[in-house]
Amino acid sequence: MRTTTLVLCLVLSASSLAAQDFAVKRLDASPRHHEWVNVPVAKGRTVRSFVAYPERADASLAVVVIHENRGLTDWVRLFTDELAAAGYLAIAPDLLSGFDAEHHDTSGFADSDAARKAIYELDPDRVTADLLAVQKYVAAVPSANGKTVVVGFCWGGSQAFRFATRAPGLAATLVFYGTAPDDAASLAAISAPVYGFYGEMDDRIGATIPGTTEWMKAAGKTYEPVTYAGAGHAFMRRGEEPDAPPELGKARDDAWARLQGILAGIK
């Protein structure tokens, strides 16, 4: 059931990395502070991560952003900046960091197809270890309030759901068109509420929602899925593209408003 995420992401993530010029322009115009950090993991490994800081006087909630199956793209960095604009400290790790001797991070791959292929070669436990290190790092940033949330898209949405079964102290998990872990029993370890964001036209992922709802209910966990009318897979990214059809733009805006409401409710 969970292999559907891999298939959908491969089929529907058709835009090239170079097609995100709109994201680069908006990032260049952002007044917020951005920086790259190398988060230590273990045995000398580090995870290259993009950080966007909010403009506020008090400490803020920290959000870990897990990218799609094409690696850390310009759109993911733009989304991270948008979270900072909303008042949150946001960090997006490049989970292709240290992939091999020739590919040190996403930028080292020739194109999005090569990055996608590499993503599915990653060891899930290594991904989780990297995310745990990033969560620990961002929670300790002086301007953070110590609370963390994870948000993921497509492959990253599935990783966010899996991360929720392993991560201590998460305040919430936001899964965008991703699936739950294959092992329903692992859901018992989830401590934070899980909020799902899905597209009406994304039938393969949508078909997994009833089963996930049943599993989460059986485990006594909070799972609140919402399906957005007229939206297909990857509607958060596609809805921001300059030529986005109205239904995708609306789905993106509605989901963004819901996301902000969820984050604002975390005390």
C-alpha atoms as a PDB file:
ATOM      1  CA  MET A   1       0.000   0.000   0.000  1.00  0.00           C
ATOM      2  CA  ARG A   2       2.750   2.435   0.898  1.00  0.00           C
ATOM      3  CA  THR A   3       4.647   1.943  -2.378  1.00  0.00           C
ATOM      4  CA  THR A   4       2.072   4.234  -3.990  1.00  0.00           C
ATOM      5  CA  THR A   5       3.965   7.276  -2.703  1.00  0.00           C
ATOM      6  CA  LEU A   6       7.063   6.261  -4.654  1.00  0.00           C
ATOM      7  CA  VAL A   7       5.067   5.741  -7.854  1.00  0.00           C
ATOM      8  CA  LEU A   8       3.134   8.983  -7.566  1.00  0.00           C
ATOM      9  CA  CYS A   9       6.156  11.084  -6.802  1.00  0.00           C
ATOM     10  CA  LEU A  10       8.038   9.639  -9.754  1.00  0.00           C
ATOM     11  CA  VAL A  11       5.159  10.221 -12.152  1.00  0.00           C
ATOM     12  CA  LEU A  12       3.907  13.585 -10.961  1.00  0.00           C
ATOM     13  CA  SER A  13       7.101  15.445 -10.035  1.00  0.00           C
ATOM     14  CA  ALA A  14       7.701  16.387 -13.653  1.00  0.00           C
ATOM     15  CA  SER A  15       9.135  19.891 -13.291  1.00  0.00           C
ATOM     16  CA  SER A  16      12.894  20.255 -13.617  1.00  0.00           C
ATOM     17  CA  LEU A  17      15.018  21.814 -10.920  1.00  0.00           C
ATOM     18  CA  ALA A  18      15.689  24.708 -13.276  1.00  0.00           C
ATOM     19  CA  ALA A  19      11.950  25.397 -13.589  1.00  0.00           C
ATOM     20  CA  GLN A  20      11.811  26.972 -10.142  1.00  0.00           C
ATOM     21  CA  ASP A  21      13.106  30.398 -11.138  1.00  0.00           C
ATOM     22  CA  PHE A  22      10.022  31.939  -9.548  1.00  0.00           C
ATOM     23  CA  ALA A  23      11.141  30.548  -6.187  1.00  0.00           C
ATOM     24  CA  VAL A  24      14.679  31.914  -6.577  1.00  0.00           C
ATOM     25  CA  LYS A  25      13.373  35.406  -7.371  1.00  0.00           C
ATOM     26  CA  ARG A  26      11.161  35.418  -4.303  1.00  0.00           C
ATOM     27  CA  LEU A  27      13.966  34.121  -2.109  1.00  0.00           C
ATOM     28  CA  ASP A  28      16.307  36.811  -3.406  1.00  0.00           C
ATOM     29  CA  ALA A  29      13.716  39.447  -2.523  1.00  0.00           C
ATOM     30  CA  SER A  30      13.103  38.097   0.988  1.00  0.00           C
ATOM     31  CA  PRO A  31      14.112  40.447   3.823  1.00  0.00           C
ATOM     32  CA  ARG A  32      14.599  37.554   6.226  1.00  0.00           C
ATOM     33  CA  HIS A  33      17.935  36.106   7.295  1.00  0.00           C
ATOM     34  CA  HIS A  34      18.876  32.827   5.607  1.00  0.00           C
ATOM     35  CA  GLU A  35      21.891  30.659   6.262  1.00  0.00           C
ATOM     36  CA  TRP A  36      23.322  27.243   5.483  1.00  0.00           C
ATOM     37  CA  VAL A  37      24.460  25.078   8.381  1.00  0.00           C
ATOM     38  CA  ASN A  38      26.110  21.670   8.585  1.00  0.00           C
ATOM     39  CA  VAL A  39      24.286  19.721  11.277  1.00  0.00           C
ATOM     40  CA  PRO A  40      26.468  17.007  12.865  1.00  0.00           C
ATOM     41  CA  VAL A  41      24.985  13.516  12.887  1.00  0.00           C
ATOM     42  CA  ALA A  42      27.533  10.811  13.722  1.00  0.00           C
ATOM     43  CA  LYS A  43      30.977   9.560  12.705  1.00  0.00           C
ATOM     44  CA  GLY A  44      31.865  12.819  11.032  1.00  0.00           C
ATOM     45  CA  ARG A  45      28.690  12.948   8.925  1.00  0.00           C
ATOM     46  CA  THR A  46      26.842  16.230   8.615  1.00  0.00           C
ATOM     47  CA  VAL A  47      23.547  17.223   7.021  1.00  0.00           C
ATOM     48  CA  ARG A  48      23.610  20.430   4.995  1.00  0.00           C
ATOM     49  CA  SER A  49      20.529  22.403   5.974  1.00  0.00           C
ATOM     50  CA  PHE A  50      18.863  25.650   4.947  1.00  0.00           C
ATOM     51  CA  VAL A  51      17.634  27.839   7.811  1.00  0.00           C
ATOM     52  CA  ALA A  52      15.226  30.785   7.603  1.00  0.00           C
ATOM     53  CA  TYR A  53      14.776  33.045  10.618  1.00  0.00           C
ATOM     54  CA  PRO A  54      11.595  34.951  11.468  1.00  0.00           C
ATOM     55  CA  GLU A  55      11.640  38.653  12.231  1.00  0.00           C
ATOM     56  CA  ARG A  56      10.350  38.730  15.808  1.00  0.00           C
ATOM     57  CA  ALA A  57      11.560  39.716  19.264  1.00  0.00           C
ATOM     58  CA  ASP A  58      10.579  36.569  21.152  1.00  0.00           C
ATOM     59  CA  ALA A  59      11.441  32.881  20.838  1.00  0.00           C
ATOM     60  CA  SER A  60       9.602  30.907  18.180  1.00  0.00           C
ATOM     61  CA  LEU A  61       8.349  27.446  17.371  1.00  0.00           C
ATOM     62  CA  ALA A  62      10.786  25.515  15.157  1.00  0.00           C
ATOM     63  CA  VAL A  63       9.632  23.677  12.031  1.00  0.00           C
ATOM     64  CA  VAL A  64      11.600  20.921  10.295  1.00  0.00           C
ATOM     65  CA  VAL A  65      10.731  20.811   6.578  1.00  0.00           C
ATOM     66  CA  ILE A  66      11.238  17.508   4.736  1.00  0.00           C
ATOM     67  CA  HIS A  67      11.638  17.897   1.000  1.00  0.00           C
ATOM     68  CA  GLU A  68      10.020  16.037  -1.869  1.00  0.00           C
ATOM     69  CA  ASN A  69      11.701  13.174  -3.669  1.00  0.00           C
ATOM     70  CA  ARG A  70      13.814  15.542  -5.776  1.00  0.00           C
ATOM     71  CA  GLY A  71      15.938  16.707  -2.882  1.00  0.00           C
ATOM     72  CA  LEU A  72      16.307  20.187  -1.420  1.00  0.00           C
ATOM     73  CA  THR A  73      14.963  22.322  -4.256  1.00  0.00           C
ATOM     74  CA  ASP A  74      14.443  26.071  -4.547  1.00  0.00           C
ATOM     75  CA  TRP A  75      10.722  25.666  -3.890  1.00  0.00           C
ATOM     76  CA  VAL A  76      11.411  23.837  -0.616  1.00  0.00           C
ATOM     77  CA  ARG A  77      13.686  26.701   0.416  1.00  0.00           C
ATOM     78  CA  LEU A  78      10.930  29.153  -0.551  1.00  0.00           C
ATOM     79  CA  PHE A  79       8.425  27.275   1.600  1.00  0.00           C
ATOM     80  CA  THR A  80      10.927  27.398   4.462  1.00  0.00           C
ATOM     81  CA  ASP A  81      11.174  31.171   4.018  1.00  0.00           C
ATOM     82  CA  GLU A  82       7.376  31.442   3.954  1.00  0.00           C
ATOM     83  CA  LEU A  83       7.251  29.727   7.332  1.00  0.00           C
ATOM     84  CA  ALA A  84       9.757  32.274   8.625  1.00  0.00           C
ATOM     85  CA  ALA A  85       7.589  35.065   7.219  1.00  0.00           C
ATOM     86  CA  ALA A  86       4.717  33.629   9.265  1.00  0.00           C
ATOM     87  CA  GLY A  87       6.843  33.868  12.420  1.00  0.00           C
ATOM     88  CA  TYR A  88       8.482  30.449  12.708  1.00  0.00           C
ATOM     89  CA  LEU A  89      12.104  29.325  12.775  1.00  0.00           C
ATOM     90  CA  ALA A  90      12.324  26.892   9.873  1.00  0.00           C
ATOM     91  CA  ILE A  91      15.010  24.447   8.791  1.00  0.00           C
ATOM     92  CA  ALA A  92      15.097  22.267   5.675  1.00  0.00           C
ATOM     93  CA  PRO A  93      17.716  19.514   5.726  1.00  0.00           C
ATOM     94  CA  ASP A  94      19.151  18.187   2.470  1.00  0.00           C
ATOM     95  CA  LEU A  95      18.705  14.466   3.007  1.00  0.00           C
ATOM     96  CA  LEU A  96      20.949  13.717   0.048  1.00  0.00           C
ATOM     97  CA  SER A  97      23.869  15.159   2.023  1.00  0.00           C
ATOM     98  CA  GLY A  98      26.883  12.874   1.810  1.00  0.00           C
ATOM     99  CA  PHE A  99      25.146  10.522  -0.607  1.00  0.00           C
ATOM    100  CA  ASP A 100      28.461   9.334  -2.009  1.00  0.00           C
ATOM    101  CA  ALA A 101      31.930  10.605  -2.941  1.00  0.00           C
ATOM    102  CA  GLU A 102      30.618  12.300  -6.079  1.00  0.00           C
ATOM    103  CA  HIS A 103      27.348  13.693  -4.734  1.00  0.00           C
ATOM    104  CA  HIS A 104      27.717  15.746  -1.574  1.00  0.00           C
ATOM    105  CA  ASP A 105      24.132  17.093  -1.637  1.00  0.00           C
ATOM    106  CA  THR A 106      21.208  17.739  -4.000  1.00  0.00           C
ATOM    107  CA  SER A 107      23.170  20.280  -6.028  1.00  0.00           C
ATOM    108  CA  GLY A 108      25.648  17.573  -7.009  1.00  0.00           C
ATOM    109  CA  PHE A 109      23.112  15.633  -9.086  1.00  0.00           C
ATOM    110  CA  ALA A 110      22.843  16.283 -12.810  1.00  0.00           C
ATOM    111  CA  ASP A 111      19.065  16.654 -12.799  1.00  0.00           C
ATOM    112  CA  SER A 112      15.892  15.881 -10.863  1.00  0.00           C
ATOM    113  CA  ASP A 113      15.690  12.357 -12.274  1.00  0.00           C
ATOM    114  CA  ALA A 114      19.113  11.531 -10.838  1.00  0.00           C
ATOM    115  CA  ALA A 115      18.141  13.049  -7.498  1.00  0.00           C
ATOM    116  CA  ARG A 116      14.917  11.027  -7.427  1.00  0.00           C
ATOM    117  CA  LYS A 117      16.778   7.810  -8.126  1.00  0.00           C
ATOM    118  CA  ALA A 118      19.172   8.530  -5.266  1.00  0.00           C
ATOM    119  CA  ILE A 119      16.369   9.384  -2.829  1.00  0.00           C
ATOM    120  CA  TYR A 120      14.958   5.878  -3.103  1.00  0.00           C
ATOM    121  CA  GLU A 121      18.355   4.364  -2.409  1.00  0.00           C
ATOM    122  CA  LEU A 122      18.580   6.044   1.002  1.00  0.00           C
ATOM    123  CA  ASP A 123      18.448   3.872   4.110  1.00  0.00           C
ATOM    124  CA  PRO A 124      15.261   4.864   6.007  1.00  0.00           C
ATOM    125  CA  ASP A 125      17.073   4.558   9.339  1.00  0.00           C
ATOM    126  CA  ARG A 126      19.766   6.938   8.128  1.00  0.00           C
ATOM    127  CA  VAL A 127      17.069   9.413   7.068  1.00  0.00           C
ATOM    128  CA  THR A 128      15.491   9.212  10.517  1.00  0.00           C
ATOM    129  CA  ALA A 129      18.867   9.645  12.220  1.00  0.00           C
ATOM    130  CA  ASP A 130      19.531  12.733  10.115  1.00  0.00           C
ATOM    131  CA  LEU A 131      16.130  14.172  10.990  1.00  0.00           C
ATOM    132  CA  LEU A 132      16.636  13.505  14.692  1.00  0.00           C
ATOM    133  CA  ALA A 133      19.935  15.386  14.537  1.00  0.00           C
ATOM    134  CA  VAL A 134      18.264  18.307  12.755  1.00  0.00           C
ATOM    135  CA  GLN A 135      15.407  18.367  15.267  1.00  0.00           C
ATOM    136  CA  LYS A 136      17.883  18.449  18.153  1.00  0.00           C
ATOM    137  CA  TYR A 137      19.914  21.184  16.464  1.00  0.00           C
ATOM    138  CA  VAL A 138      17.033  23.524  15.697  1.00  0.00           C
ATOM    139  CA  ALA A 139      15.398  23.087  19.101  1.00  0.00           C
ATOM    140  CA  ALA A 140      18.619  24.347  20.690  1.00  0.00           C
ATOM    141  CA  VAL A 141      18.966  27.479  18.531  1.00  0.00           C
ATOM    142  CA  PRO A 142      18.840  30.449  20.953  1.00  0.00           C
ATOM    143  CA  SER A 143      15.856  32.018  19.191  1.00  0.00           C
ATOM    144  CA  ALA A 144      13.823  28.783  19.344  1.00  0.00           C
ATOM    145  CA  ASN A 145      11.324  28.104  22.120  1.00  0.00           C
ATOM    146  CA  GLY A 146      12.272  24.410  22.348  1.00  0.00           C
ATOM    147  CA  LYS A 147       9.167  23.037  20.622  1.00  0.00           C
ATOM    148  CA  THR A 148       9.383  21.405  17.206  1.00  0.00           C
ATOM    149  CA  VAL A 149       7.006  20.474  14.420  1.00  0.00           C
ATOM    150  CA  VAL A 150       7.729  18.430  11.288  1.00  0.00           C
ATOM    151  CA  VAL A 151       6.239  19.115   7.849  1.00  0.00           C
ATOM    152  CA  GLY A 152       6.852  16.887   4.826  1.00  0.00           C
ATOM    153  CA  PHE A 153       5.829  16.678   1.183  1.00  0.00           C
ATOM    154  CA  CYS A 154       5.341  13.592  -1.042  1.00  0.00           C
ATOM    155  CA  TRP A 155       8.269  11.285  -0.121  1.00  0.00           C
ATOM    156  CA  GLY A 156       8.947  13.792   2.641  1.00  0.00           C
ATOM    157  CA  GLY A 157       5.359  13.452   3.833  1.00  0.00           C
ATOM    158  CA  SER A 158       5.845   9.729   4.284  1.00  0.00           C
ATOM    159  CA  GLN A 159       9.153  10.387   6.048  1.00  0.00           C
ATOM    160  CA  ALA A 160       7.398  12.878   8.343  1.00  0.00           C
ATOM    161  CA  PHE A 161       4.831  10.226   9.284  1.00  0.00           C
ATOM    162  CA  ARG A 162       7.623   7.722   9.948  1.00  0.00           C
ATOM    163  CA  PHE A 163       9.584  10.330  11.900  1.00  0.00           C
ATOM    164  CA  ALA A 164       6.577  10.840  14.170  1.00  0.00           C
ATOM    165  CA  THR A 165       6.981   7.229  15.312  1.00  0.00           C
ATOM    166  CA  ARG A 166      10.610   7.832  16.322  1.00  0.00           C
ATOM    167  CA  ALA A 167      10.974  11.468  17.377  1.00  0.00           C
ATOM    168  CA  PRO A 168      10.666  12.561  21.001  1.00  0.00           C
ATOM    169  CA  GLY A 169       8.834  15.738  21.876  1.00  0.00           C
ATOM    170  CA  LEU A 170       7.244  16.631  18.551  1.00  0.00           C
ATOM    171  CA  ALA A 171       4.407  19.110  18.961  1.00  0.00           C
ATOM    172  CA  ALA A 172       2.737  18.124  15.666  1.00  0.00           C
ATOM    173  CA  THR A 173       3.295  16.295  12.389  1.00  0.00           C
ATOM    174  CA  LEU A 174       1.970  17.738   9.127  1.00  0.00           C
ATOM    175  CA  VAL A 175       1.855  15.214   6.275  1.00  0.00           C
ATOM    176  CA  PHE A 176       1.316  16.542   2.759  1.00  0.00           C
ATOM    177  CA  TYR A 177       0.270  13.777   0.351  1.00  0.00           C
ATOM    178  CA  GLY A 178       2.384  11.147   2.085  1.00  0.00           C
ATOM    179  CA  THR A 179       1.518   7.749   3.529  1.00  0.00           C
ATOM    180  CA  ALA A 180       1.746   6.119   6.940  1.00  0.00           C
ATOM    181  CA  PRO A 181       4.429   3.520   7.771  1.00  0.00           C
ATOM    182  CA  ASP A 182       3.849  -0.036   6.513  1.00  0.00           C
ATOM    183  CA  ASP A 183       3.926  -1.345  10.062  1.00  0.00           C
ATOM    184  CA  ALA A 184       0.660  -0.277  11.675  1.00  0.00           C
ATOM    185  CA  ALA A 185       1.981  -1.341  15.086  1.00  0.00           C
ATOM    186  CA  SER A 186       4.632   1.377  14.980  1.00  0.00           C
ATOM    187  CA  LEU A 187       1.908   4.025  15.106  1.00  0.00           C
ATOM    188  CA  ALA A 188       1.523   3.274  18.814  1.00  0.00           C
ATOM    189  CA  ALA A 189       4.761   5.202  19.414  1.00  0.00           C
ATOM    190  CA  ILE A 190       3.339   8.467  18.007  1.00  0.00           C
ATOM    191  CA  SER A 191       2.829  11.085  20.702  1.00  0.00           C
ATOM    192  CA  ALA A 192       1.885  14.174  18.679  1.00  0.00           C
ATOM    193  CA  PRO A 193      -1.217  14.788  16.558  1.00  0.00           C
ATOM    194  CA  VAL A 194      -0.866  14.074  12.847  1.00  0.00           C
ATOM    195  CA  TYR A 195      -2.557  16.360  10.331  1.00  0.00           C
ATOM    196  CA  GLY A 196      -2.952  15.140   6.754  1.00  0.00           C
ATOM    197  CA  PHE A 197      -3.230  17.295   3.619  1.00  0.00           C
ATOM    198  CA  TYR A 198      -4.386  15.503   0.464  1.00  0.00           C
ATOM    199  CA  GLY A 199      -5.590  16.244  -3.063  1.00  0.00           C
ATOM    200  CA  GLU A 200      -8.971  15.095  -4.351  1.00  0.00           C
ATOM    201  CA  MET A 201      -7.444  14.096  -7.684  1.00  0.00           C
ATOM    202  CA  ASP A 202      -4.585  12.199  -6.034  1.00  0.00           C
ATOM    203  CA  ASP A 203      -6.522   8.952  -5.883  1.00  0.00           C
ATOM    204  CA  ARG A 204      -3.652   6.588  -5.162  1.00  0.00           C
ATOM    205  CA  ILE A 205      -2.649   8.438  -2.024  1.00  0.00           C
ATOM    206  CA  GLY A 206      -6.269   9.183  -1.193  1.00  0.00           C
ATOM    207  CA  ALA A 207      -7.042   5.476  -1.239  1.00  0.00           C
ATOM    208  CA  THR A 208      -4.701   4.972   1.729  1.00  0.00           C
ATOM    209  CA  ILE A 209      -6.513   7.474   3.977  1.00  0.00           C
ATOM    210  CA  PRO A 210      -9.296   5.139   5.243  1.00  0.00           C
ATOM    211  CA  GLY A 211      -6.775   2.489   6.283  1.00  0.00           C
ATOM    212  CA  THR A 212      -4.548   5.040   7.993  1.00  0.00           C
ATOM    213  CA  THR A 213      -7.570   6.503   9.776  1.00  0.00           C
ATOM    214  CA  GLU A 214      -8.502   3.042  11.022  1.00  0.00           C
ATOM    215  CA  TRP A 215      -4.962   2.255  12.180  1.00  0.00           C
ATOM    216  CA  MET A 216      -4.553   5.566  13.986  1.00  0.00           C
ATOM    217  CA  LYS A 217      -7.938   5.199  15.695  1.00  0.00           C
ATOM    218  CA  ALA A 218      -7.030   1.694  16.822  1.00  0.00           C
ATOM    219  CA  ALA A 219      -3.764   3.046  18.225  1.00  0.00           C
ATOM    220  CA  GLY A 220      -5.621   5.812  20.070  1.00  0.00           C
ATOM    221  CA  LYS A 221      -3.837   8.568  18.124  1.00  0.00           C
ATOM    222  CA  THR A 222      -4.994  11.867  16.658  1.00  0.00           C
ATOM    223  CA  TYR A 223      -5.123  11.860  12.864  1.00  0.00           C
ATOM    224  CA  GLU A 224      -7.004  14.595  11.021  1.00  0.00           C
ATOM    225  CA  PRO A 225      -6.934  14.255   7.225  1.00  0.00           C
ATOM    226  CA  VAL A 226      -8.358  16.948   4.933  1.00  0.00           C
ATOM    227  CA  THR A 227      -8.800  16.487   1.183  1.00  0.00           C
ATOM    228  CA  TYR A 228      -8.707  19.583  -1.044  1.00  0.00           C
ATOM    229  CA  ALA A 229     -11.151  19.790  -3.942  1.00  0.00           C
ATOM    230  CA  GLY A 230      -9.732  19.775  -7.454  1.00  0.00           C
ATOM    231  CA  ALA A 231      -6.159  19.300  -6.262  1.00  0.00           C
ATOM    232  CA  GLY A 232      -3.739  16.677  -7.477  1.00  0.00           C
ATOM    233  CA  HIS A 233      -0.467  15.436  -6.068  1.00  0.00           C
ATOM    234  CA  ALA A 234       2.155  18.052  -5.092  1.00  0.00           C
ATOM    235  CA  PHE A 235      -0.465  20.818  -5.041  1.00  0.00           C
ATOM    236  CA  MET A 236       1.498  22.915  -2.538  1.00  0.00           C
ATOM    237  CA  ARG A 237       4.372  23.343  -4.990  1.00  0.00           C
ATOM    238  CA  ARG A 238       2.304  23.331  -8.153  1.00  0.00           C
ATOM    239  CA  GLY A 239      -0.147  25.818  -6.663  1.00  0.00           C
ATOM    240  CA  GLU A 240       2.647  28.394  -6.299  1.00  0.00           C
ATOM    241  CA  GLU A 241       3.976  28.098  -9.815  1.00  0.00           C
ATOM    242  CA  PRO A 242       3.267  31.127 -12.041  1.00  0.00           C
ATOM    243  CA  ASP A 243       1.017  29.158 -14.412  1.00  0.00           C
ATOM    244  CA  ALA A 244      -0.871  27.263 -11.686  1.00  0.00           C
ATOM    245  CA  PRO A 245      -4.528  26.558 -12.515  1.00  0.00           C
ATOM    246  CA  PRO A 246      -7.035  28.207 -10.142  1.00  0.00           C
ATOM    247  CA  GLU A 247      -8.017  24.985  -8.378  1.00  0.00           C
ATOM    248  CA  LEU A 248      -4.414  24.275  -7.403  1.00  0.00           C
ATOM    249  CA  GLY A 249      -3.864  27.837  -6.251  1.00  0.00           C
ATOM    250  CA  LYS A 250      -6.980  27.659  -4.093  1.00  0.00           C
ATOM    251  CA  ALA A 251      -5.996  24.284  -2.619  1.00  0.00           C
ATOM    252  CA  ARG A 252      -2.548  25.632  -1.806  1.00  0.00           C
ATOM    253  CA  ASP A 253      -3.978  28.756  -0.156  1.00  0.00           C
ATOM    254  CA  ASP A 254      -6.560  26.791   1.827  1.00  0.00           C
ATOM    255  CA  ALA A 255      -3.946  24.299   3.016  1.00  0.00           C
ATOM    256  CA  TRP A 256      -1.574  27.126   3.933  1.00  0.00           C
ATOM    257  CA  ALA A 257      -4.311  28.787   5.999  1.00  0.00           C
ATOM    258  CA  ARG A 258      -4.975  25.491   7.780  1.00  0.00           C
ATOM    259  CA  LEU A 259      -1.255  24.984   8.417  1.00  0.00           C
ATOM    260  CA  GLN A 260      -0.984  28.435   9.967  1.00  0.00           C
ATOM    261  CA  GLY A 261      -3.978  27.741  12.185  1.00  0.00           C
ATOM    262  CA  ILE A 262      -2.431  24.506  13.427  1.00  0.00           C
ATOM    263  CA  LEU A 263       0.927  26.105  14.181  1.00  0.00           C
ATOM    264  CA  ALA A 264      -0.689  29.113  15.856  1.00  0.00           C
ATOM    265  CA  GLY A 265      -2.561  26.748  18.177  1.00  0.00           C
ATOM    266  CA  ILE A 266       0.642  25.172  19.534  1.00  0.00           C
ATOM    267  CA  LYS A 267       1.404  26.776  22.906  1.00  0.00           C
END
